[in-house]
């Protein structure tokens, strides 16, 4: 979603145009005053005439003393005009600075750029969490509500998603400019950050406004028993699949290189931890529902639903990776043979003295030889091997001697695998993951979400998704292991997963924006 220029301008800080106009008015008044001064001294004899020409009424005065010039009134008038222009300038400047003051009601000060960047990053994380949770709970509501009843809330969520997508895109462009050495001017950077903040705030307000109506549709407080029955059915299904996920991870470790299973190495154990948390809160919800305390039952049920959803994602991620590795292993021999054929033909077509082409050919040969060696030596990583074969194919494009397969299907396989893995990791560890990793993930999703993504865009999405995963893992390592709070068994994992808020509210997240997402915390006891 893109904004119109007028809408975009309205979100930003006031334009410095008012300041420039004030400067021009001041200079003009001073110039006119000094031009008029000699004429006034030479031809003006009546003080009242001067006063009337300036639009004021002169009081009765005595006869002028000898040697007094009526033109002496002009400098005061010029001074008054200059004072007015200065006042306009001060007002415009004060208004501009007031829009970015650091403290309400305090002395107006421009927010430092680093602080503005921190605010933008915090809002990106908050709204991304809100959108994720809103999508999850909307899906649960759709299972038990008519489509026309939930459509207004689905529309509000789509609006928030669109605003968030634009905000992430702006942040990505800013990061790319800084990484490329083309550091934007401070005013330009400030405008981008203010736009990000405005977009996130708009998305948050939309979800906050929709939250009360959504609670009426979901009616967890009134229909806790029915929602509990649905959650318990899902719990039994995920619990039955979790042991198989552990067995699948062990099998991946045996069949492929050890690095292959690292992305999901602890997912089965984390899924079990989320299920322990789910068990505790389903039991609490059942007890409160039996006592007729719908508010507390709803709070514990929301916590259980959040943990159950993450357990399902973790288990599904293991099986998804196993399927992707099997597909890559099946596709690799065909892709490798096709690219090697082109490589062999290109050897005889490389013109003498073409150092660039020779270098590209050498790089492609090194990649293909490495893949051949790994596949012959024993367990290997099929996805990484297929990725390197496609890199070799890209290097041979234009080398002559044969048609290089575009490899779009193979590149899509590796890119989608990287994207799904990064998305699952960030979603199940969002309590610790910052805005940079989420920004890279959002850009990868944007590129792959285009129906006609080019091969270069698919490769770029693959790189961004893997970068997002690396940055997210770094954030999690820095975050450490959160201590369990009042959430009972498994609460530490629930805080890490963003199921429970860790900002002092301590309750489960629900459909809504930053102001309403923790509304059930008061009943989470």
Protein backbone atom coordinates (compact mmCIF):
# COMPACT_ATOMS: atom_id res chain seq x y z
CA UNK A 1 0.00 0.00 0.00
CA UNK A 2 1.37 3.40 -0.89
CA UNK A 3 0.24 6.79 0.30
CA UNK A 4 -0.64 9.79 -1.74
CA UNK A 5 1.75 12.74 -1.55
CA UNK A 6 -0.79 14.81 0.37
CA UNK A 7 -1.33 12.10 2.94
CA UNK A 8 2.36 11.50 3.29
CA UNK A 9 3.02 15.18 3.82
CA UNK A 10 0.34 15.41 6.49
CA UNK A 11 2.09 12.77 8.54
CA UNK A 12 5.42 14.53 8.58
CA UNK A 13 6.76 17.46 10.52
CA UNK A 14 5.64 20.90 9.26
CA UNK A 15 7.54 22.14 6.24
CA UNK A 16 10.23 24.78 6.75
CA UNK A 17 8.40 26.89 4.11
CA UNK A 18 6.90 29.08 6.83
CA UNK A 19 10.35 29.88 8.14
CA UNK A 20 11.60 30.82 4.67
CA UNK A 21 8.55 33.08 4.10
CA UNK A 22 9.18 34.84 7.40
CA UNK A 23 12.81 35.45 6.43
CA UNK A 24 11.74 36.88 3.07
CA UNK A 25 9.11 39.14 4.67
CA UNK A 26 11.63 40.49 7.15
CA UNK A 27 14.16 41.29 4.45
CA UNK A 28 11.50 42.90 2.25
CA UNK A 29 10.19 45.15 5.00
CA UNK A 30 13.64 46.36 5.92
CA UNK A 31 14.50 47.09 2.27
CA UNK A 32 11.25 48.98 1.62
CA UNK A 33 11.67 50.96 4.80
CA UNK A 34 15.08 52.25 3.89
CA UNK A 35 13.93 53.09 0.34
CA UNK A 36 10.96 55.08 1.61
CA UNK A 37 12.91 56.89 4.33
CA UNK A 38 14.58 59.58 2.09
CA UNK A 39 11.30 60.33 0.28
CA UNK A 40 9.44 60.61 3.52
CA UNK A 41 11.98 63.04 4.94
CA UNK A 42 11.88 65.18 1.81
CA UNK A 43 8.14 65.42 1.12
CA UNK A 44 6.15 64.56 4.22
CA UNK A 45 5.20 67.50 6.46
CA UNK A 46 2.08 66.31 8.25
CA UNK A 47 2.43 63.61 10.92
CA UNK A 48 -1.20 62.72 10.48
CA UNK A 49 -0.61 61.96 6.81
CA UNK A 50 2.09 59.47 7.66
CA UNK A 51 -0.09 57.92 10.32
CA UNK A 52 -3.08 57.53 7.99
CA UNK A 53 -0.91 56.01 5.27
CA UNK A 54 0.15 53.37 7.76
CA UNK A 55 -3.48 52.61 8.65
CA UNK A 56 -3.46 54.13 12.17
CA UNK A 57 -5.02 57.31 13.65
CA UNK A 58 -2.57 59.90 14.91
CA UNK A 59 -3.44 61.67 18.15
CA UNK A 60 -3.70 65.46 18.20
CA UNK A 61 -0.28 66.97 18.52
CA UNK A 62 1.11 70.43 19.03
CA UNK A 63 2.70 72.35 16.21
CA UNK A 64 5.98 70.75 15.29
CA UNK A 65 9.05 72.33 16.61
CA UNK A 66 11.39 73.93 14.20
CA UNK A 67 13.76 71.35 12.63
CA UNK A 68 11.47 68.36 13.22
CA UNK A 69 10.92 66.12 10.11
CA UNK A 70 7.72 64.14 9.74
CA UNK A 71 9.77 61.39 8.08
CA UNK A 72 11.10 60.55 11.53
CA UNK A 73 7.97 58.44 12.00
CA UNK A 74 9.04 55.98 9.31
CA UNK A 75 11.81 54.16 11.24
CA UNK A 76 9.41 53.25 14.10
CA UNK A 77 6.96 51.88 11.57
CA UNK A 78 9.67 49.82 9.94
CA UNK A 79 10.69 48.58 13.38
CA UNK A 80 7.08 47.54 14.06
CA UNK A 81 6.95 45.66 10.76
CA UNK A 82 10.25 43.96 11.50
CA UNK A 83 9.00 42.96 14.94
CA UNK A 84 5.91 41.44 13.34
CA UNK A 85 8.00 39.47 10.88
CA UNK A 86 10.23 38.22 13.69
CA UNK A 87 7.16 37.18 15.65
CA UNK A 88 5.89 35.23 12.64
CA UNK A 89 9.25 33.54 12.30
CA UNK A 90 9.35 32.68 16.00
CA UNK A 91 5.81 31.27 15.84
CA UNK A 92 6.59 29.10 12.82
CA UNK A 93 9.75 27.80 14.42
CA UNK A 94 8.01 27.18 17.75
CA UNK A 95 5.22 25.29 15.97
CA UNK A 96 7.67 23.10 14.08
CA UNK A 97 9.69 22.28 17.17
CA UNK A 98 6.56 21.58 19.22
CA UNK A 99 5.69 18.67 16.95
CA UNK A 100 8.83 16.81 18.03
CA UNK A 101 9.21 17.90 21.64
CA UNK A 102 10.63 15.31 24.01
CA UNK A 103 8.29 15.85 26.95
CA UNK A 104 4.64 16.98 26.92
CA UNK A 105 4.26 20.43 28.39
CA UNK A 106 7.99 20.93 28.78
CA UNK A 107 10.38 23.12 26.89
CA UNK A 108 10.01 22.33 23.20
CA UNK A 109 13.08 20.53 21.90
CA UNK A 110 13.79 18.62 18.73
CA UNK A 111 13.90 14.90 19.39
CA UNK A 112 17.46 13.66 18.72
CA UNK A 113 17.72 11.52 15.63
CA UNK A 114 18.93 8.46 17.53
CA UNK A 115 15.96 8.73 19.88
CA UNK A 116 13.59 9.03 16.94
CA UNK A 117 15.16 5.89 15.48
CA UNK A 118 14.70 4.08 18.78
CA UNK A 119 11.03 5.06 18.91
CA UNK A 120 10.51 3.89 15.33
CA UNK A 121 12.15 0.54 16.08
CA UNK A 122 10.10 0.02 19.21
CA UNK A 123 6.86 0.77 17.38
CA UNK A 124 7.75 -1.58 14.53
CA UNK A 125 8.21 -4.39 17.05
CA UNK A 126 5.01 -3.54 18.96
CA UNK A 127 2.79 -3.30 15.90
CA UNK A 128 4.31 -6.39 14.32
CA UNK A 129 3.44 -8.32 17.48
CA UNK A 130 -0.06 -6.85 17.49
CA UNK A 131 -0.62 -7.83 13.86
CA UNK A 132 0.65 -11.37 14.44
CA UNK A 133 -1.58 -11.92 17.49
CA UNK A 134 -4.58 -10.29 15.82
CA UNK A 135 -4.21 -12.64 12.85
CA UNK A 136 -3.97 -15.65 15.14
CA UNK A 137 -7.02 -14.73 17.20
CA UNK A 138 -9.02 -13.71 14.13
CA UNK A 139 -8.42 -17.19 12.72
CA UNK A 140 -9.77 -18.73 15.91
CA UNK A 141 -12.82 -16.46 15.80
CA UNK A 142 -13.46 -17.38 12.15
CA UNK A 143 -13.84 -21.03 13.15
CA UNK A 144 -16.84 -20.19 15.32
CA UNK A 145 -18.33 -17.04 13.76
CA UNK A 146 -20.06 -16.15 10.53
CA UNK A 147 -17.92 -14.53 7.87
CA UNK A 148 -19.94 -11.32 7.75
CA UNK A 149 -19.54 -10.92 11.52
CA UNK A 150 -15.75 -10.98 11.48
CA UNK A 151 -15.22 -9.18 8.15
CA UNK A 152 -15.00 -5.67 9.73
CA UNK A 153 -12.23 -6.90 12.02
CA UNK A 154 -10.48 -8.67 9.18
CA UNK A 155 -10.62 -5.38 7.27
CA UNK A 156 -9.08 -3.52 10.21
CA UNK A 157 -6.33 -6.13 10.38
CA UNK A 158 -5.63 -5.81 6.65
CA UNK A 159 -5.38 -2.05 7.07
CA UNK A 160 -2.91 -2.47 9.93
CA UNK A 161 -0.90 -4.99 7.92
CA UNK A 162 -0.70 -2.60 4.98
CA UNK A 163 0.46 0.30 7.15
CA UNK A 164 3.04 -1.92 8.83
CA UNK A 165 4.28 -3.17 5.46
CA UNK A 166 4.88 0.41 4.29
CA UNK A 167 6.66 1.21 7.56
CA UNK A 168 8.95 -1.81 7.18
CA UNK A 169 9.63 -0.87 3.55
CA UNK A 170 10.65 2.66 4.60
CA UNK A 171 12.95 1.27 7.28
CA UNK A 172 14.51 -1.15 4.77
CA UNK A 173 15.18 1.65 2.28
CA UNK A 174 16.82 3.72 4.99
CA UNK A 175 18.99 0.78 6.02
CA UNK A 176 19.97 0.09 2.42
CA UNK A 177 20.95 3.72 1.88
CA UNK A 178 23.11 3.71 5.01
CA UNK A 179 24.69 0.36 4.12
CA UNK A 180 25.51 1.65 0.64
CA UNK A 181 27.32 4.66 2.02
CA UNK A 182 24.71 7.12 0.70
CA UNK A 183 23.79 8.46 4.12
CA UNK A 184 20.65 10.62 3.75
CA UNK A 185 20.56 14.17 5.03
CA UNK A 186 19.41 14.50 8.62
CA UNK A 187 16.15 16.18 7.61
CA UNK A 188 15.40 13.40 5.11
CA UNK A 189 16.16 10.72 7.70
CA UNK A 190 13.96 12.49 10.21
CA UNK A 191 11.07 12.62 7.75
CA UNK A 192 11.37 8.88 7.03
CA UNK A 193 11.45 8.01 10.73
CA UNK A 194 8.47 10.25 11.43
CA UNK A 195 6.60 8.56 8.61
CA UNK A 196 7.39 5.13 10.10
CA UNK A 197 6.15 6.27 13.50
CA UNK A 198 2.97 7.75 12.01
CA UNK A 199 2.22 4.58 10.05
CA UNK A 200 2.69 2.38 13.10
CA UNK A 201 0.59 4.66 15.28
CA UNK A 202 -2.20 4.63 12.72
CA UNK A 203 -2.15 0.82 12.59
CA UNK A 204 -2.16 0.61 16.37
CA UNK A 205 -5.08 3.03 16.72
CA UNK A 206 -7.08 1.03 14.17
CA UNK A 207 -6.62 -2.21 16.11
CA UNK A 208 -7.23 -0.51 19.46
CA UNK A 209 -10.51 0.90 18.19
CA UNK A 210 -11.60 -2.51 16.90
CA UNK A 211 -10.72 -4.45 20.06
CA UNK A 212 -13.97 -3.87 22.05
CA UNK A 213 -16.13 -4.95 19.13
CA UNK A 214 -13.94 -7.97 18.52
CA UNK A 215 -14.37 -9.07 22.13
CA UNK A 216 -18.12 -8.98 21.61
CA UNK A 217 -17.79 -11.24 18.55
CA UNK A 218 -15.39 -13.72 20.18
CA UNK A 219 -17.25 -13.60 23.47
CA UNK A 220 -14.64 -15.63 25.35
CA UNK A 221 -15.98 -14.40 28.66
CA UNK A 222 -19.50 -15.63 27.84
CA UNK A 223 -18.62 -18.73 25.82
CA UNK A 224 -15.49 -19.96 27.56
CA UNK A 225 -16.74 -23.55 27.68
CA UNK A 226 -17.12 -23.84 23.90
CA UNK A 227 -13.74 -22.21 23.23
CA UNK A 228 -12.14 -24.51 25.80
CA UNK A 229 -13.49 -27.57 24.06
CA UNK A 230 -12.02 -26.38 20.75
CA UNK A 231 -8.64 -25.60 22.36
CA UNK A 232 -8.50 -29.00 24.06
CA UNK A 233 -9.16 -30.75 20.75
CA UNK A 234 -6.28 -28.85 19.14
CA UNK A 235 -4.11 -29.61 22.15
CA UNK A 236 -4.59 -33.33 21.72
CA UNK A 237 -3.72 -33.11 18.03
CA UNK A 238 -0.50 -31.13 18.58
CA UNK A 239 0.52 -33.32 21.50
CA UNK A 240 0.17 -36.41 19.31
CA UNK A 241 2.37 -34.88 16.60
CA UNK A 242 5.15 -33.63 18.87
CA UNK A 243 6.96 -36.97 19.47
CA UNK A 244 7.09 -37.51 15.70
CA UNK A 245 8.79 -34.13 15.34
CA UNK A 246 11.53 -35.24 17.72
CA UNK A 247 12.01 -38.44 15.73
CA UNK A 248 12.14 -36.44 12.49
CA UNK A 249 14.90 -34.21 13.85
CA UNK A 250 16.94 -37.28 14.84
CA UNK A 251 16.44 -38.71 11.36
CA UNK A 252 17.55 -35.46 9.70
CA UNK A 253 20.69 -35.51 11.81
CA UNK A 254 21.53 -38.98 10.53
CA UNK A 255 20.66 -38.47 6.86
CA UNK A 256 22.16 -35.05 6.24
CA UNK A 257 25.06 -32.92 7.41
CA UNK A 258 24.75 -31.87 11.06
CA UNK A 259 24.34 -28.20 10.07
CA UNK A 260 21.18 -29.13 8.18
CA UNK A 261 19.12 -29.88 11.27
CA UNK A 262 20.48 -27.01 13.37
CA UNK A 263 17.61 -24.63 12.49
CA UNK A 264 15.12 -26.98 14.15
CA UNK A 265 17.42 -28.70 16.65
CA UNK A 266 15.53 -27.53 19.73
CA UNK A 267 12.07 -27.09 18.24
CA UNK A 268 10.60 -30.34 19.57
CA UNK A 269 11.70 -29.48 23.10
CA UNK A 270 10.35 -25.96 22.78
CA UNK A 271 7.07 -27.36 21.52
CA UNK A 272 6.87 -29.57 24.60
CA UNK A 273 7.58 -26.54 26.81
CA UNK A 274 4.74 -24.61 25.16
CA UNK A 275 2.45 -27.62 25.65
CA UNK A 276 3.30 -27.75 29.36
CA UNK A 277 2.34 -24.09 29.59
CA UNK A 278 -0.84 -24.84 27.61
CA UNK A 279 -1.80 -27.68 29.95
CA UNK A 280 -1.49 -25.48 33.01
CA UNK A 281 -3.59 -22.65 31.61
CA UNK A 282 -6.24 -24.85 30.06
CA UNK A 283 -6.69 -26.35 33.49
CA UNK A 284 -6.89 -22.88 35.07
CA UNK A 285 -9.38 -21.74 32.45
CA UNK A 286 -11.54 -24.80 33.06
CA UNK A 287 -11.59 -24.19 36.82
CA UNK A 288 -12.57 -20.53 36.46
CA UNK A 289 -15.21 -21.36 33.86
CA UNK A 290 -16.75 -23.92 36.22
CA UNK A 291 -16.88 -21.24 38.92
CA UNK A 292 -18.61 -18.83 36.55
CA UNK A 293 -15.66 -16.40 36.44
CA UNK A 294 -15.65 -15.75 32.69
CA UNK A 295 -13.10 -12.92 32.76
CA UNK A 296 -10.39 -15.03 34.40
CA UNK A 297 -11.28 -18.03 32.31
CA UNK A 298 -10.85 -15.93 29.15
CA UNK A 299 -7.45 -14.61 30.29
CA UNK A 300 -6.05 -18.09 30.89
CA UNK A 301 -7.63 -19.42 27.73
CA UNK A 302 -5.95 -16.71 25.63
CA UNK A 303 -2.58 -17.63 27.15
CA UNK A 304 -3.20 -21.30 26.35
CA UNK A 305 -4.28 -20.50 22.77
CA UNK A 306 -1.13 -18.47 22.15
CA UNK A 307 1.17 -21.21 23.42
CA UNK A 308 -0.74 -23.88 21.55
CA UNK A 309 -0.39 -21.97 18.30
CA UNK A 310 3.37 -21.70 18.75
CA UNK A 311 3.70 -25.38 19.62
CA UNK A 312 1.88 -26.23 16.39
CA UNK A 313 4.16 -23.89 14.41
CA UNK A 314 7.29 -25.47 15.90
CA UNK A 315 6.11 -29.00 15.13
CA UNK A 316 5.00 -28.07 11.62
CA UNK A 317 8.33 -26.35 11.00
CA UNK A 318 10.22 -29.57 11.61
CA UNK A 319 8.11 -31.55 9.15
CA UNK A 320 8.23 -28.71 6.63
CA UNK A 321 12.04 -28.64 6.69
CA UNK A 322 12.19 -32.42 6.24
CA UNK A 323 10.01 -32.13 3.14
CA UNK A 324 12.10 -29.28 1.70
CA UNK A 325 15.33 -31.18 2.21
CA UNK A 326 13.89 -34.23 0.49
CA UNK A 327 12.74 -32.08 -2.46
CA UNK A 328 16.13 -30.39 -2.74
CA UNK A 329 17.94 -33.74 -2.63
CA UNK A 330 15.72 -35.02 -5.45
CA UNK A 331 16.21 -31.90 -7.60
CA UNK A 332 19.94 -31.53 -7.04
CA UNK A 333 21.28 -34.19 -9.49
CA UNK A 334 19.20 -32.82 -12.38
CA UNK A 335 20.17 -29.22 -11.70
CA UNK A 336 23.83 -30.10 -11.20
CA UNK A 337 24.05 -32.05 -14.46
CA UNK A 338 22.34 -29.26 -16.43
CA UNK A 339 24.67 -26.56 -15.14
CA UNK A 340 27.76 -28.72 -15.63
CA UNK A 341 26.78 -29.21 -19.28
CA UNK A 342 26.67 -25.47 -19.77
CA UNK A 343 29.98 -25.12 -17.91
CA UNK A 344 31.67 -27.63 -20.20
CA UNK A 345 30.37 -25.86 -23.31
CA UNK A 346 31.44 -22.46 -21.97
CA UNK A 347 35.05 -23.62 -21.55
CA UNK A 348 35.54 -23.77 -25.32
CA UNK A 349 33.80 -20.45 -25.96
CA UNK A 350 35.72 -18.28 -23.53
CA UNK A 351 37.60 -15.77 -25.73
CA UNK A 352 41.27 -15.18 -25.11
CA UNK A 353 41.98 -12.18 -22.93
CA UNK A 354 38.47 -12.05 -21.46
CA UNK A 355 39.57 -12.00 -17.84
CA UNK A 356 36.07 -11.25 -16.53
CA UNK A 357 34.53 -14.25 -18.24
CA UNK A 358 37.42 -16.51 -17.21
CA UNK A 359 36.97 -15.41 -13.60
CA UNK A 360 33.22 -16.13 -13.72
CA UNK A 361 33.88 -19.51 -15.25
CA UNK A 362 36.44 -20.32 -12.58
CA UNK A 363 34.05 -19.35 -9.81
CA UNK A 364 31.29 -21.51 -11.28
CA UNK A 365 33.66 -24.48 -11.62
CA UNK A 366 34.74 -24.12 -7.98
CA UNK A 367 31.11 -24.11 -6.82
CA UNK A 368 30.15 -27.14 -8.88
CA UNK A 369 33.28 -29.08 -7.88
CA UNK A 370 32.55 -28.38 -4.22
CA UNK A 371 29.00 -29.67 -4.56
CA UNK A 372 30.20 -32.81 -6.36
CA UNK A 373 32.74 -33.48 -3.64
CA UNK A 374 30.24 -33.03 -0.81
CA UNK A 375 27.57 -35.23 -2.37
CA UNK A 376 30.12 -38.00 -2.95
CA UNK A 377 31.75 -37.73 0.47
CA UNK A 378 28.70 -38.46 2.60
CA UNK A 379 25.88 -36.60 4.34
CA UNK A 380 25.46 -33.06 3.00
CA UNK A 381 23.03 -30.16 3.04
CA UNK A 382 20.79 -30.45 -0.05
CA UNK A 383 19.34 -26.95 0.25
CA UNK A 384 22.75 -25.31 0.52
CA UNK A 385 24.11 -27.46 -2.31
CA UNK A 386 21.19 -26.52 -4.57
CA UNK A 387 21.69 -22.87 -3.68
CA UNK A 388 25.34 -23.03 -4.77
CA UNK A 389 24.44 -24.76 -8.02
CA UNK A 390 22.03 -21.95 -8.79
CA UNK A 391 24.75 -19.43 -7.96
CA UNK A 392 27.01 -21.17 -10.49
CA UNK A 393 24.22 -21.05 -13.08
CA UNK A 394 23.85 -17.30 -12.54
CA UNK A 395 27.58 -16.85 -13.06
CA UNK A 396 27.50 -18.75 -16.35
CA UNK A 397 24.71 -16.65 -17.82
CA UNK A 398 26.00 -15.08 -21.01
CA UNK A 399 29.09 -17.27 -21.13
CA UNK A 400 27.96 -18.85 -24.41
CA UNK A 401 28.07 -22.44 -25.46
CA UNK A 402 24.62 -23.37 -24.18
CA UNK A 403 21.40 -22.23 -22.63
CA UNK A 404 21.71 -21.78 -18.89
CA UNK A 405 18.57 -22.94 -17.05
CA UNK A 406 17.07 -19.98 -15.23
CA UNK A 407 16.64 -22.16 -12.13
CA UNK A 408 13.71 -20.11 -10.88
CA UNK A 409 11.89 -23.13 -9.45
CA UNK A 410 15.02 -24.33 -7.67
CA UNK A 411 15.82 -20.83 -6.36
CA UNK A 412 12.23 -20.47 -5.17
CA UNK A 413 12.58 -23.71 -3.24
CA UNK A 414 15.62 -22.49 -1.31
CA UNK A 415 14.22 -18.97 -0.82
CA UNK A 416 10.86 -20.17 0.47
CA UNK A 417 12.55 -22.58 2.81
CA UNK A 418 14.73 -19.79 4.24
CA UNK A 419 11.72 -17.49 4.53
CA UNK A 420 9.52 -20.06 6.28
CA UNK A 421 12.30 -20.94 8.71
CA UNK A 422 13.00 -17.29 9.57
CA UNK A 423 9.31 -16.50 9.96
CA UNK A 424 8.75 -19.43 12.31
CA UNK A 425 11.79 -18.59 14.41
CA UNK A 426 10.89 -14.92 14.74
CA UNK A 427 7.24 -15.71 15.45
CA UNK A 428 8.07 -18.19 18.22
CA UNK A 429 10.81 -15.97 19.73
CA UNK A 430 9.27 -12.57 19.13
CA UNK A 431 9.61 -11.53 22.75
CA UNK A 432 13.36 -11.17 22.12
CA UNK A 433 13.61 -10.27 18.42
CA UNK A 434 14.21 -6.64 17.49
CA UNK A 435 13.14 -4.50 14.57
CA UNK A 436 16.10 -5.11 12.24
CA UNK A 437 15.48 -8.83 11.85
CA UNK A 438 11.76 -8.20 11.37
CA UNK A 439 12.53 -5.56 8.73
CA UNK A 440 14.63 -8.01 6.71
CA UNK A 441 11.92 -10.64 7.01
CA UNK A 442 9.24 -8.20 5.86
CA UNK A 443 11.30 -7.25 2.81
CA UNK A 444 11.86 -10.92 1.91
CA UNK A 445 8.12 -11.54 2.23
CA UNK A 446 7.41 -8.53 0.01
CA UNK A 447 9.74 -9.76 -2.72
CA UNK A 448 8.44 -13.32 -2.71
CA UNK A 449 4.85 -12.13 -2.38
CA UNK A 450 5.01 -10.54 -5.80
CA UNK A 451 3.40 -12.82 -8.35
CA UNK A 452 5.99 -11.99 -10.98
CA UNK A 453 9.16 -11.83 -8.91
CA UNK A 454 12.23 -11.96 -11.09
CA UNK A 455 15.02 -14.43 -10.53
CA UNK A 456 17.22 -11.72 -9.03
CA UNK A 457 14.41 -10.73 -6.65
CA UNK A 458 13.98 -14.34 -5.56
CA UNK A 459 17.71 -14.59 -4.85
CA UNK A 460 17.56 -11.32 -2.95
CA UNK A 461 14.65 -12.64 -0.87
CA UNK A 462 16.68 -15.74 -0.07
CA UNK A 463 19.58 -13.61 1.16
CA UNK A 464 17.30 -11.36 3.22
CA UNK A 465 15.49 -14.28 4.84
CA UNK A 466 18.77 -15.88 5.90
CA UNK A 467 19.99 -12.53 7.21
CA UNK A 468 16.75 -12.13 9.17
CA UNK A 469 17.30 -15.53 10.78
CA UNK A 470 20.90 -14.69 11.73
CA UNK A 471 19.88 -11.35 13.25
CA UNK A 472 16.98 -12.93 15.14
CA UNK A 473 19.23 -15.63 16.58
CA UNK A 474 21.67 -12.94 17.69
CA UNK A 475 18.86 -11.09 19.44
CA UNK A 476 17.74 -14.25 21.23
CA UNK A 477 21.27 -15.00 22.42
CA UNK A 478 21.57 -11.47 23.79
CA UNK A 479 18.16 -11.74 25.46
CA UNK A 480 19.05 -14.89 27.38
CA UNK A 481 16.60 -17.13 29.19
CA UNK A 482 13.69 -15.18 30.70
CA UNK A 483 12.68 -16.17 34.18
CA UNK A 484 9.25 -17.66 34.67
CA UNK A 485 6.82 -15.29 36.33
CA UNK A 486 3.27 -15.71 37.45
CA UNK A 487 2.43 -17.65 34.29
CA UNK A 488 3.22 -20.98 35.93
CA UNK A 489 5.14 -23.84 34.32
CA UNK A 490 6.67 -22.88 30.97
CA UNK A 491 6.21 -19.15 31.61
CA UNK A 492 9.81 -18.38 30.60
CA UNK A 493 9.25 -19.81 27.14
CA UNK A 494 5.92 -17.98 26.91
CA UNK A 495 7.66 -14.66 27.61
CA UNK A 496 10.36 -15.47 25.04
CA UNK A 497 7.64 -16.30 22.54
CA UNK A 498 5.75 -13.06 23.21
CA UNK A 499 2.70 -14.97 24.45
CA UNK A 500 2.94 -13.17 27.77
CA UNK A 501 3.84 -9.49 27.87
CA UNK A 502 7.08 -8.76 29.68
CA UNK A 503 6.67 -4.99 30.17
CA UNK A 504 5.12 -5.18 33.63
CA UNK A 505 1.63 -6.13 32.47
CA UNK A 506 2.41 -9.82 32.51
CA UNK A 507 -0.80 -10.90 30.84
CA UNK A 508 -1.56 -12.69 27.58
CA UNK A 509 -1.72 -10.78 24.32
CA UNK A 510 -5.08 -10.40 22.61
CA UNK A 511 -6.46 -8.88 19.41
CA UNK A 512 -5.79 -5.14 19.62
CA UNK A 513 -3.22 -2.39 19.41
CA UNK A 514 -0.59 -1.32 21.95
CA UNK A 515 -3.18 0.15 24.34
CA UNK A 516 -5.58 -2.80 24.36
CA UNK A 517 -3.47 -5.88 23.64
CA UNK A 518 -2.85 -6.52 27.36
CA UNK A 519 -6.38 -5.83 28.56
CA UNK A 520 -6.76 -9.29 30.10
CA UNK A 521 -3.67 -8.92 32.31
CA UNK A 522 -5.78 -7.77 35.27
CA UNK A 523 -7.55 -11.16 35.30
CA UNK A 524 -4.42 -13.25 34.81
CA UNK A 525 -3.97 -14.45 38.38
